[in-house]
Structure formats: C-alpha cells, structure tokens
Amino acid sequence: MGSIEKLQTSPQVFWHTGAVTAHERLQQLGQQAATVWLTGLSGAGKSTLAYALERRLCSEGRLAYVLDGDNLRHHLNSDLGFTSRDRRENIRRSAEVARLLNDAGLIVICAFISPLRSDRELARTIIGPDNFIETYVSTPCAICEERDPKGLYQKARAGLIPEFTGISAPYEVPLEPALALDTEQLTIDQACTRLLQHLGPRLR
C-alpha cells in the first residue's frame, strides 16, 4: 500500500536533473532539507504548531515553509473531495510539493490529519525516508472535541459530516513516529522546542 502509484505520463515528458547538488544547497543555506509531517486529529494543534515552528525557524535565519492541508484544498487540491481515494490523492500531491521544496533546500512543515498509515507511508516514500520526520500530535480526541475550533465535531456528531476522523472514521496512530507531542500537556512553545532539538543536527 505504501508504494507510489504509477501515473501515466506522455512519452514526450522527461525528468530533467539540475546542475545544483543537494550538498551545494546545504553549504549555501546552512541547513539540510527536511519535511516535518504533523499528523493528528482535527483540533490537535497541528496548524498552530506548524506556523509557530515556521516562525521560530525563520527567526533563526532558516528557510522554512508550511504546507497546511486546508490551504492546499483551496487551490492545488480544490478538485478533491473526502473519499478514501481523494484523501490519498490529496496526500500524494502534497507530498510531491514537499519533495520539490526539499529539493530547493527548504525545511517543510506539513499539517495534515492523514489518518491512514498507508497514506503516511506513501508520503514517506515520495519525500524519502531520510527527509521525512513523522510527528504525531497526540492530543486526545476528547480534548480536540472540547476545543473544536472549526465546529466540525459538533457537525459530525449531528450527522452533518460523514466519515469524520475520530468520530465516524478511524485514525490509525503512528507506530514509530520520530516524535509524539501532546498539546494538552505541552505548550506550543515547548512542542516547538522539541522539534527544533530534533532538527538540530540538520541546522548548521
């Protein structure tokens, strides 16, 4: 399930390799590219943590960029719904964008519910295991529902949102995440610090 689906391309389309190596970008930017993949329930604090980490990294002179699941559905993935097939395609496209940004030398912070292990494994395969940092924002469902910043849990309980993760659709907990961060127990600043410590060896 974790393999990359073979997409049909025109025989006239070729992959072009640039003349700038990853090592040259590392020397120029003083950082090794990575994708921090934040996964967890709606309301767990993924987006808040992603933007806070981006702010901390940029304040330290690092090049970082957030790919937020909701934002990408406004434009790049606006043609996708919430079927299993569409959710997988949403993850595939987003991971491809993250990979390109990593190729440019950036630290990418992704905030996606991405409830299925197979979809997260697909993202890992596309991005590359050396650059993929799976981070489980492990805030309990009860706390996420209590926060309910978008009013989604209330709608899901009322039957207005079918297949809602954590209520009527499953969330598969990461088996071996690089980090697990519970925003009920940690402040956003503390969670950011743990992520920065994990990224430390990549930052010169």
N, C-alpha and C. Protein backbone atom coordinates (compact mmCIF):
# COMPACT_ATOMS: atom_id res chain seq x y z
N MET A 1 0.82 -1.21 0.00
CA MET A 1 0.00 0.00 0.00
C MET A 1 0.86 1.26 0.00
N GLY A 2 2.10 1.14 0.50
CA GLY A 2 2.93 2.33 0.62
C GLY A 2 3.65 2.72 -0.65
N SER A 3 3.57 1.89 -1.69
CA SER A 3 4.28 2.21 -2.92
C SER A 3 3.62 3.36 -3.65
N ILE A 4 4.42 4.04 -4.48
CA ILE A 4 3.91 5.16 -5.25
C ILE A 4 3.18 4.63 -6.47
N GLU A 5 1.93 5.10 -6.66
CA GLU A 5 1.17 4.67 -7.82
C GLU A 5 1.84 5.19 -9.09
N LYS A 6 1.89 4.34 -10.12
CA LYS A 6 2.47 4.76 -11.39
C LYS A 6 1.46 5.60 -12.14
N LEU A 7 1.77 6.87 -12.34
CA LEU A 7 0.89 7.76 -13.06
C LEU A 7 1.30 7.80 -14.52
N GLN A 8 0.32 7.84 -15.38
CA GLN A 8 0.59 7.84 -16.80
C GLN A 8 1.08 9.22 -17.25
N THR A 9 2.21 9.25 -17.94
CA THR A 9 2.74 10.50 -18.47
C THR A 9 3.01 10.32 -19.95
N SER A 10 3.09 11.43 -20.63
CA SER A 10 3.35 11.41 -22.07
C SER A 10 4.77 10.92 -22.32
N PRO A 11 5.00 10.13 -23.39
CA PRO A 11 6.37 9.69 -23.72
C PRO A 11 7.28 10.86 -24.08
N GLN A 12 6.68 12.04 -24.32
CA GLN A 12 7.48 13.22 -24.64
C GLN A 12 7.93 13.99 -23.39
N VAL A 13 7.53 13.49 -22.22
CA VAL A 13 7.87 14.17 -20.96
C VAL A 13 9.06 13.46 -20.33
N PHE A 14 10.11 14.21 -20.03
CA PHE A 14 11.33 13.65 -19.45
C PHE A 14 11.65 14.36 -18.14
N TRP A 15 12.31 13.63 -17.23
CA TRP A 15 12.76 14.24 -15.97
C TRP A 15 14.11 14.88 -16.20
N HIS A 16 14.23 16.16 -15.84
CA HIS A 16 15.47 16.90 -16.02
C HIS A 16 16.15 17.09 -14.67
N THR A 17 17.41 16.76 -14.62
CA THR A 17 18.18 16.91 -13.39
C THR A 17 18.96 18.22 -13.44
N GLY A 18 18.85 19.00 -12.36
CA GLY A 18 19.53 20.29 -12.31
C GLY A 18 21.03 20.15 -12.09
N ALA A 19 21.74 21.25 -12.22
CA ALA A 19 23.19 21.26 -12.07
C ALA A 19 23.63 21.61 -10.65
N VAL A 20 22.66 21.92 -9.77
CA VAL A 20 22.98 22.27 -8.38
C VAL A 20 22.68 21.06 -7.50
N THR A 21 23.66 20.61 -6.75
CA THR A 21 23.50 19.41 -5.93
C THR A 21 22.91 19.76 -4.55
N ALA A 22 22.40 18.73 -3.88
CA ALA A 22 21.87 18.91 -2.52
C ALA A 22 22.97 19.40 -1.59
N HIS A 23 24.20 18.92 -1.80
CA HIS A 23 25.32 19.35 -0.95
C HIS A 23 25.61 20.84 -1.14
N GLU A 24 25.53 21.31 -2.37
CA GLU A 24 25.75 22.74 -2.63
C GLU A 24 24.68 23.58 -1.95
N ARG A 25 23.45 23.12 -1.99
CA ARG A 25 22.38 23.87 -1.32
C ARG A 25 22.61 23.88 0.19
N LEU A 26 23.05 22.75 0.74
CA LEU A 26 23.33 22.68 2.18
C LEU A 26 24.41 23.70 2.54
N GLN A 27 25.47 23.76 1.73
CA GLN A 27 26.56 24.71 2.00
C GLN A 27 26.08 26.15 1.88
N GLN A 28 25.21 26.42 0.92
CA GLN A 28 24.73 27.77 0.69
C GLN A 28 23.75 28.21 1.78
N LEU A 29 22.83 27.32 2.17
CA LEU A 29 21.76 27.69 3.09
C LEU A 29 22.11 27.39 4.55
N GLY A 30 23.07 26.53 4.77
CA GLY A 30 23.42 26.19 6.15
C GLY A 30 22.38 25.31 6.83
N GLN A 31 21.64 24.56 6.05
CA GLN A 31 20.64 23.67 6.61
C GLN A 31 20.42 22.49 5.67
N GLN A 32 20.08 21.37 6.26
CA GLN A 32 19.73 20.19 5.48
C GLN A 32 18.21 20.12 5.37
N ALA A 33 17.72 19.96 4.17
CA ALA A 33 16.27 19.95 3.96
C ALA A 33 15.60 18.82 4.73
N ALA A 34 14.35 19.04 5.10
CA ALA A 34 13.56 18.03 5.80
C ALA A 34 12.08 18.35 5.64
N THR A 35 11.26 17.34 5.83
CA THR A 35 9.82 17.55 5.91
C THR A 35 9.33 17.06 7.26
N VAL A 36 8.85 17.97 8.07
CA VAL A 36 8.22 17.62 9.35
C VAL A 36 6.75 17.37 9.05
N TRP A 37 6.33 16.11 9.15
CA TRP A 37 4.95 15.74 8.80
C TRP A 37 4.13 15.63 10.09
N LEU A 38 3.33 16.66 10.36
CA LEU A 38 2.49 16.68 11.56
C LEU A 38 1.17 15.97 11.25
N THR A 39 0.88 14.90 11.98
CA THR A 39 -0.34 14.15 11.80
C THR A 39 -1.07 14.06 13.13
N GLY A 40 -2.40 14.09 13.07
CA GLY A 40 -3.20 14.01 14.29
C GLY A 40 -4.63 14.43 13.99
N LEU A 41 -5.46 14.34 14.98
CA LEU A 41 -6.88 14.65 14.81
C LEU A 41 -7.10 16.13 14.54
N SER A 42 -8.26 16.45 13.99
CA SER A 42 -8.67 17.84 13.84
C SER A 42 -8.74 18.48 15.23
N GLY A 43 -8.13 19.64 15.38
CA GLY A 43 -8.13 20.32 16.68
C GLY A 43 -6.97 19.92 17.57
N ALA A 44 -6.09 19.05 17.09
CA ALA A 44 -4.96 18.60 17.92
C ALA A 44 -3.91 19.70 18.09
N GLY A 45 -3.88 20.66 17.17
CA GLY A 45 -2.90 21.74 17.26
C GLY A 45 -1.86 21.70 16.16
N LYS A 46 -2.12 20.92 15.12
CA LYS A 46 -1.13 20.76 14.04
C LYS A 46 -0.79 22.07 13.34
N SER A 47 -1.81 22.79 12.89
CA SER A 47 -1.56 24.04 12.16
C SER A 47 -0.92 25.09 13.06
N THR A 48 -1.42 25.20 14.28
CA THR A 48 -0.84 26.17 15.23
C THR A 48 0.63 25.87 15.45
N LEU A 49 0.94 24.59 15.64
CA LEU A 49 2.33 24.18 15.86
C LEU A 49 3.17 24.41 14.60
N ALA A 50 2.59 24.11 13.44
CA ALA A 50 3.34 24.27 12.19
C ALA A 50 3.76 25.73 11.98
N TYR A 51 2.84 26.65 12.17
CA TYR A 51 3.16 28.06 11.94
C TYR A 51 4.08 28.61 13.03
N ALA A 52 3.95 28.09 14.24
CA ALA A 52 4.85 28.52 15.31
C ALA A 52 6.27 28.03 15.03
N LEU A 53 6.41 26.81 14.53
CA LEU A 53 7.73 26.28 14.20
C LEU A 53 8.34 27.04 13.02
N GLU A 54 7.52 27.35 12.03
CA GLU A 54 7.99 28.15 10.90
C GLU A 54 8.53 29.49 11.39
N ARG A 55 7.79 30.13 12.30
CA ARG A 55 8.21 31.42 12.84
C ARG A 55 9.54 31.31 13.58
N ARG A 56 9.68 30.26 14.40
CA ARG A 56 10.92 30.06 15.16
C ARG A 56 12.09 29.83 14.21
N LEU A 57 11.89 29.00 13.21
CA LEU A 57 12.97 28.70 12.26
C LEU A 57 13.38 29.94 11.48
N CYS A 58 12.39 30.67 10.99
CA CYS A 58 12.69 31.88 10.21
C CYS A 58 13.36 32.94 11.07
N SER A 59 12.98 33.02 12.34
CA SER A 59 13.61 33.99 13.24
C SER A 59 15.08 33.67 13.47
N GLU A 60 15.43 32.39 13.28
CA GLU A 60 16.82 31.95 13.43
C GLU A 60 17.58 31.96 12.10
N GLY A 61 16.94 32.56 11.07
CA GLY A 61 17.61 32.67 9.79
C GLY A 61 17.50 31.45 8.90
N ARG A 62 16.55 30.55 9.21
CA ARG A 62 16.35 29.33 8.42
C ARG A 62 15.27 29.55 7.37
N LEU A 63 15.35 28.78 6.30
CA LEU A 63 14.32 28.81 5.27
C LEU A 63 13.32 27.69 5.54
N ALA A 64 12.10 28.06 5.86
CA ALA A 64 11.07 27.08 6.19
C ALA A 64 9.74 27.52 5.59
N TYR A 65 8.88 26.54 5.32
CA TYR A 65 7.57 26.86 4.74
C TYR A 65 6.55 25.83 5.18
N VAL A 66 5.35 26.32 5.50
CA VAL A 66 4.25 25.44 5.94
C VAL A 66 3.37 25.06 4.76
N LEU A 67 3.10 23.77 4.65
CA LEU A 67 2.05 23.26 3.76
C LEU A 67 0.90 22.81 4.65
N ASP A 68 -0.17 23.59 4.66
CA ASP A 68 -1.33 23.30 5.51
C ASP A 68 -2.41 22.62 4.68
N GLY A 69 -2.96 21.54 5.20
CA GLY A 69 -3.95 20.76 4.46
C GLY A 69 -5.14 21.58 4.00
N ASP A 70 -5.67 22.42 4.85
CA ASP A 70 -6.82 23.26 4.49
C ASP A 70 -6.45 24.23 3.38
N ASN A 71 -5.28 24.85 3.48
CA ASN A 71 -4.87 25.82 2.47
C ASN A 71 -4.72 25.19 1.10
N LEU A 72 -4.14 24.01 1.05
CA LEU A 72 -3.94 23.35 -0.24
C LEU A 72 -5.27 22.95 -0.87
N ARG A 73 -6.29 22.70 -0.05
CA ARG A 73 -7.60 22.35 -0.60
C ARG A 73 -8.32 23.57 -1.18
N HIS A 74 -7.83 24.76 -0.90
CA HIS A 74 -8.41 25.95 -1.52
C HIS A 74 -7.98 26.10 -2.98
N HIS A 75 -6.81 25.59 -3.32
CA HIS A 75 -6.26 25.84 -4.65
C HIS A 75 -5.78 24.54 -5.30
N LEU A 76 -4.57 24.10 -4.98
CA LEU A 76 -3.98 22.94 -5.64
C LEU A 76 -4.89 21.72 -5.61
N ASN A 77 -5.51 21.47 -4.47
CA ASN A 77 -6.33 20.27 -4.31
C ASN A 77 -7.82 20.58 -4.22
N SER A 78 -8.23 21.68 -4.82
CA SER A 78 -9.64 22.10 -4.71
C SER A 78 -10.59 21.16 -5.45
N ASP A 79 -10.06 20.33 -6.34
CA ASP A 79 -10.91 19.40 -7.09
C ASP A 79 -11.14 18.09 -6.34
N LEU A 80 -10.57 17.95 -5.16
CA LEU A 80 -10.65 16.69 -4.42
C LEU A 80 -11.70 16.76 -3.31
N GLY A 81 -12.39 15.64 -3.12
CA GLY A 81 -13.35 15.53 -2.03
C GLY A 81 -12.73 14.81 -0.85
N PHE A 82 -13.55 14.02 -0.13
CA PHE A 82 -13.06 13.37 1.07
C PHE A 82 -13.29 11.86 1.05
N THR A 83 -13.42 11.30 -0.16
CA THR A 83 -13.43 9.85 -0.28
C THR A 83 -12.03 9.34 0.04
N SER A 84 -11.91 8.05 0.28
CA SER A 84 -10.59 7.47 0.57
C SER A 84 -9.63 7.73 -0.59
N ARG A 85 -10.14 7.60 -1.81
CA ARG A 85 -9.30 7.81 -2.99
C ARG A 85 -8.84 9.27 -3.08
N ASP A 86 -9.77 10.20 -2.83
CA ASP A 86 -9.42 11.62 -2.91
C ASP A 86 -8.46 12.02 -1.78
N ARG A 87 -8.67 11.46 -0.60
CA ARG A 87 -7.77 11.79 0.51
C ARG A 87 -6.36 11.30 0.20
N ARG A 88 -6.26 10.13 -0.40
CA ARG A 88 -4.94 9.59 -0.74
C ARG A 88 -4.28 10.47 -1.81
N GLU A 89 -5.06 10.92 -2.79
CA GLU A 89 -4.52 11.79 -3.81
C GLU A 89 -4.11 13.14 -3.22
N ASN A 90 -4.86 13.62 -2.25
CA ASN A 90 -4.51 14.85 -1.54
C ASN A 90 -3.13 14.72 -0.89
N ILE A 91 -2.91 13.59 -0.24
CA ILE A 91 -1.61 13.34 0.40
C ILE A 91 -0.51 13.20 -0.65
N ARG A 92 -0.80 12.49 -1.74
CA ARG A 92 0.21 12.28 -2.78
C ARG A 92 0.68 13.60 -3.37
N ARG A 93 -0.27 14.45 -3.76
CA ARG A 93 0.09 15.75 -4.34
C ARG A 93 0.88 16.60 -3.35
N SER A 94 0.41 16.61 -2.12
CA SER A 94 1.06 17.44 -1.10
C SER A 94 2.47 16.96 -0.83
N ALA A 95 2.66 15.66 -0.80
CA ALA A 95 4.00 15.10 -0.59
C ALA A 95 4.92 15.43 -1.75
N GLU A 96 4.36 15.44 -2.97
CA GLU A 96 5.18 15.81 -4.14
C GLU A 96 5.64 17.27 -4.03
N VAL A 97 4.76 18.15 -3.55
CA VAL A 97 5.15 19.55 -3.36
C VAL A 97 6.24 19.65 -2.29
N ALA A 98 6.05 18.92 -1.20
CA ALA A 98 7.05 18.93 -0.13
C ALA A 98 8.41 18.45 -0.65
N ARG A 99 8.40 17.41 -1.48
CA ARG A 99 9.64 16.89 -2.04
C ARG A 99 10.35 17.94 -2.90
N LEU A 100 9.58 18.66 -3.72
CA LEU A 100 10.19 19.70 -4.55
C LEU A 100 10.78 20.82 -3.69
N LEU A 101 10.07 21.20 -2.65
CA LEU A 101 10.60 22.24 -1.76
C LEU A 101 11.84 21.75 -1.02
N ASN A 102 11.86 20.45 -0.65
CA ASN A 102 13.07 19.88 -0.06
C ASN A 102 14.22 19.91 -1.04
N ASP A 103 13.93 19.63 -2.32
CA ASP A 103 14.97 19.70 -3.34
C ASP A 103 15.58 21.10 -3.42
N ALA A 104 14.76 22.12 -3.13
CA ALA A 104 15.24 23.50 -3.14
C ALA A 104 15.99 23.85 -1.86
N GLY A 105 16.03 22.91 -0.90
CA GLY A 105 16.78 23.12 0.32
C GLY A 105 15.97 23.59 1.51
N LEU A 106 14.64 23.70 1.38
CA LEU A 106 13.81 24.22 2.46
C LEU A 106 13.46 23.15 3.49
N ILE A 107 13.18 23.61 4.68
CA ILE A 107 12.55 22.78 5.71
C ILE A 107 11.05 22.97 5.56
N VAL A 108 10.34 21.91 5.27
CA VAL A 108 8.90 21.97 5.03
C VAL A 108 8.17 21.41 6.25
N ILE A 109 7.11 22.10 6.65
CA ILE A 109 6.31 21.65 7.78
C ILE A 109 4.90 21.39 7.26
N CYS A 110 4.50 20.14 7.28
CA CYS A 110 3.19 19.73 6.75
C CYS A 110 2.22 19.49 7.88
N ALA A 111 1.01 20.02 7.75
CA ALA A 111 -0.03 19.82 8.75
C ALA A 111 -1.23 19.16 8.07
N PHE A 112 -1.32 17.85 8.21
CA PHE A 112 -2.40 17.07 7.60
C PHE A 112 -2.91 16.05 8.62
N ILE A 113 -4.23 15.88 8.69
CA ILE A 113 -4.76 14.82 9.54
C ILE A 113 -4.14 13.50 9.12
N SER A 114 -4.13 13.21 7.83
CA SER A 114 -3.54 11.98 7.25
C SER A 114 -3.76 10.78 8.18
N PRO A 115 -5.01 10.33 8.31
CA PRO A 115 -5.35 9.34 9.33
C PRO A 115 -4.86 7.93 9.06
N LEU A 116 -4.54 7.61 7.81
CA LEU A 116 -4.19 6.22 7.48
C LEU A 116 -2.67 6.04 7.40
N ARG A 117 -2.20 4.96 8.00
CA ARG A 117 -0.77 4.67 7.95
C ARG A 117 -0.30 4.48 6.51
N SER A 118 -1.12 3.87 5.67
CA SER A 118 -0.71 3.63 4.29
C SER A 118 -0.50 4.95 3.54
N ASP A 119 -1.32 5.95 3.82
CA ASP A 119 -1.15 7.25 3.17
C ASP A 119 0.10 7.96 3.67
N ARG A 120 0.36 7.85 4.97
CA ARG A 120 1.58 8.47 5.51
C ARG A 120 2.82 7.75 4.98
N GLU A 121 2.71 6.45 4.77
CA GLU A 121 3.83 5.70 4.20
C GLU A 121 4.07 6.11 2.75
N LEU A 122 2.97 6.39 2.04
CA LEU A 122 3.09 6.91 0.67
C LEU A 122 3.86 8.23 0.68
N ALA A 123 3.50 9.12 1.61
CA ALA A 123 4.20 10.41 1.72
C ALA A 123 5.68 10.19 2.03
N ARG A 124 5.97 9.26 2.93
CA ARG A 124 7.36 8.97 3.28
C ARG A 124 8.14 8.49 2.05
N THR A 125 7.50 7.64 1.25
CA THR A 125 8.16 7.09 0.06
C THR A 125 8.45 8.19 -0.95
N ILE A 126 7.49 9.10 -1.16
CA ILE A 126 7.66 10.19 -2.12
C ILE A 126 8.76 11.14 -1.65
N ILE A 127 8.68 11.55 -0.40
CA ILE A 127 9.61 12.55 0.14
C ILE A 127 11.00 11.94 0.36
N GLY A 128 11.02 10.68 0.73
CA GLY A 128 12.27 9.98 1.03
C GLY A 128 12.42 9.81 2.53
N PRO A 129 12.72 8.60 2.99
CA PRO A 129 12.78 8.35 4.43
C PRO A 129 13.80 9.19 5.18
N ASP A 130 14.87 9.62 4.50
CA ASP A 130 15.89 10.43 5.19
C ASP A 130 15.40 11.84 5.49
N ASN A 131 14.43 12.32 4.72
CA ASN A 131 13.92 13.68 4.90
C ASN A 131 12.58 13.72 5.64
N PHE A 132 11.94 12.58 5.80
CA PHE A 132 10.58 12.53 6.34
C PHE A 132 10.62 12.35 7.85
N ILE A 133 10.07 13.33 8.57
CA ILE A 133 10.04 13.28 10.04
C ILE A 133 8.58 13.21 10.48
N GLU A 134 8.10 12.00 10.70
CA GLU A 134 6.70 11.82 11.11
C GLU A 134 6.54 12.25 12.56
N THR A 135 5.66 13.20 12.78
CA THR A 135 5.45 13.76 14.12
C THR A 135 3.97 13.62 14.47
N TYR A 136 3.70 12.84 15.48
CA TYR A 136 2.34 12.56 15.90
C TYR A 136 1.91 13.59 16.94
N VAL A 137 0.98 14.45 16.56
CA VAL A 137 0.41 15.41 17.51
C VAL A 137 -0.71 14.65 18.23
N SER A 138 -0.35 14.10 19.39
CA SER A 138 -1.13 13.04 20.02
C SER A 138 -2.22 13.53 20.98
N THR A 139 -2.63 14.76 20.85
CA THR A 139 -3.67 15.32 21.70
C THR A 139 -4.92 14.42 21.67
N PRO A 140 -5.44 14.02 22.84
CA PRO A 140 -6.58 13.10 22.87
C PRO A 140 -7.82 13.66 22.17
N CYS A 141 -8.63 12.75 21.64
CA CYS A 141 -9.83 13.14 20.92
C CYS A 141 -10.76 13.99 21.78
N ALA A 142 -10.88 13.65 23.06
CA ALA A 142 -11.78 14.40 23.94
C ALA A 142 -11.36 15.86 24.04
N ILE A 143 -10.05 16.10 24.08
CA ILE A 143 -9.55 17.47 24.15
C ILE A 143 -9.77 18.19 22.83
N CYS A 144 -9.51 17.48 21.72
CA CYS A 144 -9.74 18.07 20.39
C CYS A 144 -11.20 18.46 20.22
N GLU A 145 -12.09 17.57 20.68
CA GLU A 145 -13.52 17.86 20.55
C GLU A 145 -13.94 19.00 21.47
N GLU A 146 -13.31 19.09 22.62
CA GLU A 146 -13.61 20.19 23.54
C GLU A 146 -13.19 21.53 22.94
N ARG A 147 -12.06 21.52 22.24
CA ARG A 147 -11.60 22.75 21.57
C ARG A 147 -12.50 23.06 20.38
N ASP A 148 -12.65 22.11 19.50
CA ASP A 148 -13.48 22.19 18.29
C ASP A 148 -13.42 23.59 17.66
N PRO A 149 -12.23 24.07 17.26
CA PRO A 149 -12.10 25.46 16.77
C PRO A 149 -12.91 25.75 15.51
N LYS A 150 -13.19 24.71 14.73
CA LYS A 150 -13.92 24.91 13.48
C LYS A 150 -15.38 24.45 13.58
N GLY A 151 -15.78 23.96 14.74
CA GLY A 151 -17.15 23.47 14.91
C GLY A 151 -17.42 22.17 14.17
N LEU A 152 -16.37 21.45 13.81
CA LEU A 152 -16.53 20.25 12.99
C LEU A 152 -17.03 19.05 13.79
N TYR A 153 -16.56 18.92 15.02
CA TYR A 153 -17.01 17.79 15.84
C TYR A 153 -18.51 17.87 16.10
N GLN A 154 -18.97 19.07 16.39
CA GLN A 154 -20.40 19.27 16.64
C GLN A 154 -21.22 18.87 15.41
N LYS A 155 -20.74 19.26 14.23
CA LYS A 155 -21.44 18.89 12.99
C LYS A 155 -21.37 17.39 12.75
N ALA A 156 -20.21 16.80 13.05
CA ALA A 156 -20.06 15.35 12.86
C ALA A 156 -20.99 14.58 13.79
N ARG A 157 -21.10 15.04 15.03
CA ARG A 157 -22.00 14.38 15.99
C ARG A 157 -23.45 14.49 15.54
N ALA A 158 -23.76 15.57 14.83
CA ALA A 158 -25.12 15.78 14.33
C ALA A 158 -25.37 15.05 13.01
N GLY A 159 -24.35 14.35 12.52
CA GLY A 159 -24.50 13.61 11.28
C GLY A 159 -24.37 14.45 10.03
N LEU A 160 -23.87 15.68 10.19
CA LEU A 160 -23.76 16.59 9.05
C LEU A 160 -22.46 16.40 8.26
N ILE A 161 -21.48 15.75 8.89
CA ILE A 161 -20.21 15.46 8.21
C ILE A 161 -19.99 13.95 8.28
N PRO A 162 -20.19 13.25 7.18
CA PRO A 162 -19.94 11.80 7.18
C PRO A 162 -18.44 11.51 7.16
N GLU A 163 -18.07 10.35 7.66
CA GLU A 163 -16.67 9.90 7.62
C GLU A 163 -15.72 10.94 8.23
N PHE A 164 -16.07 11.39 9.43
CA PHE A 164 -15.23 12.39 10.11
C PHE A 164 -14.24 11.66 11.02
N THR A 165 -12.96 11.94 10.82
CA THR A 165 -11.91 11.24 11.54
C THR A 165 -12.03 11.44 13.05
N GLY A 166 -12.02 10.33 13.75
CA GLY A 166 -12.11 10.36 15.21
C GLY A 166 -13.52 10.16 15.72
N ILE A 167 -14.53 10.36 14.85
CA ILE A 167 -15.92 10.17 15.24
C ILE A 167 -16.53 9.02 14.44
N SER A 168 -16.60 9.17 13.14
CA SER A 168 -17.22 8.14 12.31
C SER A 168 -16.23 7.52 11.32
N ALA A 169 -14.99 7.89 11.42
CA ALA A 169 -13.93 7.31 10.59
C ALA A 169 -12.69 7.14 11.46
N PRO A 170 -11.89 6.11 11.17
CA PRO A 170 -10.77 5.79 12.07
C PRO A 170 -9.57 6.71 11.90
N TYR A 171 -8.79 6.81 12.95
CA TYR A 171 -7.47 7.41 12.88
C TYR A 171 -6.48 6.34 13.32
N GLU A 172 -5.53 6.02 12.46
CA GLU A 172 -4.54 4.99 12.75
C GLU A 172 -3.29 5.66 13.35
N VAL A 173 -3.08 5.40 14.62
CA VAL A 173 -1.97 6.02 15.36
C VAL A 173 -0.64 5.57 14.76
N PRO A 174 0.31 6.50 14.54
CA PRO A 174 1.63 6.11 14.05
C PRO A 174 2.28 5.08 14.99
N LEU A 175 2.90 4.08 14.40
CA LEU A 175 3.50 3.02 15.20
C LEU A 175 4.88 3.42 15.73
N GLU A 176 5.66 4.11 14.92
CA GLU A 176 7.01 4.52 15.33
C GLU A 176 7.30 5.95 14.84
N PRO A 177 6.57 6.92 15.37
CA PRO A 177 6.83 8.31 14.95
C PRO A 177 8.19 8.78 15.45
N ALA A 178 8.76 9.73 14.74
CA ALA A 178 10.02 10.32 15.21
C ALA A 178 9.80 11.07 16.52
N LEU A 179 8.61 11.69 16.63
CA LEU A 179 8.24 12.44 17.83
C LEU A 179 6.75 12.28 18.08
N ALA A 180 6.34 12.35 19.34
CA ALA A 180 4.94 12.42 19.71
C ALA A 180 4.78 13.62 20.63
N LEU A 181 3.86 14.52 20.27
CA LEU A 181 3.70 15.78 21.01
C LEU A 181 2.23 15.94 21.38
N ASP A 182 1.93 15.99 22.66
CA ASP A 182 0.56 16.15 23.14
C ASP A 182 0.37 17.61 23.56
N THR A 183 -0.43 18.35 22.80
CA THR A 183 -0.59 19.77 23.10
C THR A 183 -1.54 20.02 24.28
N GLU A 184 -2.05 18.95 24.88
CA GLU A 184 -2.74 19.11 26.17
C GLU A 184 -1.70 19.24 27.29
N GLN A 185 -0.58 18.53 27.13
CA GLN A 185 0.46 18.52 28.15
C GLN A 185 1.57 19.53 27.88
N LEU A 186 1.78 19.86 26.60
CA LEU A 186 2.86 20.77 26.21
C LEU A 186 2.29 22.07 25.68
N THR A 187 2.94 23.16 25.99
CA THR A 187 2.59 24.42 25.33
C THR A 187 3.13 24.35 23.89
N ILE A 188 2.63 25.22 23.04
CA ILE A 188 3.12 25.26 21.67
C ILE A 188 4.62 25.58 21.66
N ASP A 189 5.05 26.46 22.53
CA ASP A 189 6.47 26.82 22.60
C ASP A 189 7.31 25.62 23.00
N GLN A 190 6.83 24.82 23.95
CA GLN A 190 7.57 23.63 24.38
C GLN A 190 7.63 22.60 23.26
N ALA A 191 6.51 22.44 22.54
CA ALA A 191 6.48 21.50 21.42
C ALA A 191 7.44 21.94 20.33
N CYS A 192 7.47 23.24 20.05
CA CYS A 192 8.40 23.79 19.06
C CYS A 192 9.84 23.50 19.45
N THR A 193 10.14 23.68 20.73
CA THR A 193 11.50 23.45 21.21
C THR A 193 11.92 22.01 20.98
N ARG A 194 11.00 21.08 21.22
CA ARG A 194 11.33 19.66 21.00
C ARG A 194 11.58 19.38 19.52
N LEU A 195 10.79 19.99 18.66
CA LEU A 195 11.00 19.82 17.23
C LEU A 195 12.34 20.42 16.79
N LEU A 196 12.65 21.59 17.31
CA LEU A 196 13.93 22.23 16.97
C LEU A 196 15.11 21.39 17.46
N GLN A 197 14.97 20.78 18.61
CA GLN A 197 16.03 19.90 19.11
C GLN A 197 16.21 18.70 18.19
N HIS A 198 15.11 18.18 17.68
CA HIS A 198 15.18 17.05 16.76
C HIS A 198 15.82 17.47 15.44
N LEU A 199 15.52 18.68 14.99
CA LEU A 199 16.09 19.18 13.75
C LEU A 199 17.53 19.64 13.89
N GLY A 200 17.99 19.78 15.12
CA GLY A 200 19.30 20.35 15.41
C GLY A 200 20.43 19.87 14.53
N PRO A 201 20.60 18.55 14.34
CA PRO A 201 21.71 18.06 13.51
C PRO A 201 21.64 18.52 12.05
N ARG A 202 20.46 18.97 11.60
CA ARG A 202 20.32 19.43 10.22
C ARG A 202 20.62 20.92 10.06
N LEU A 203 20.80 21.61 11.19
CA LEU A 203 20.99 23.05 11.17
C LEU A 203 22.44 23.40 11.49
N ARG A 204 23.07 24.13 10.61
CA ARG A 204 24.48 24.50 10.82
C ARG A 204 24.60 25.91 11.38
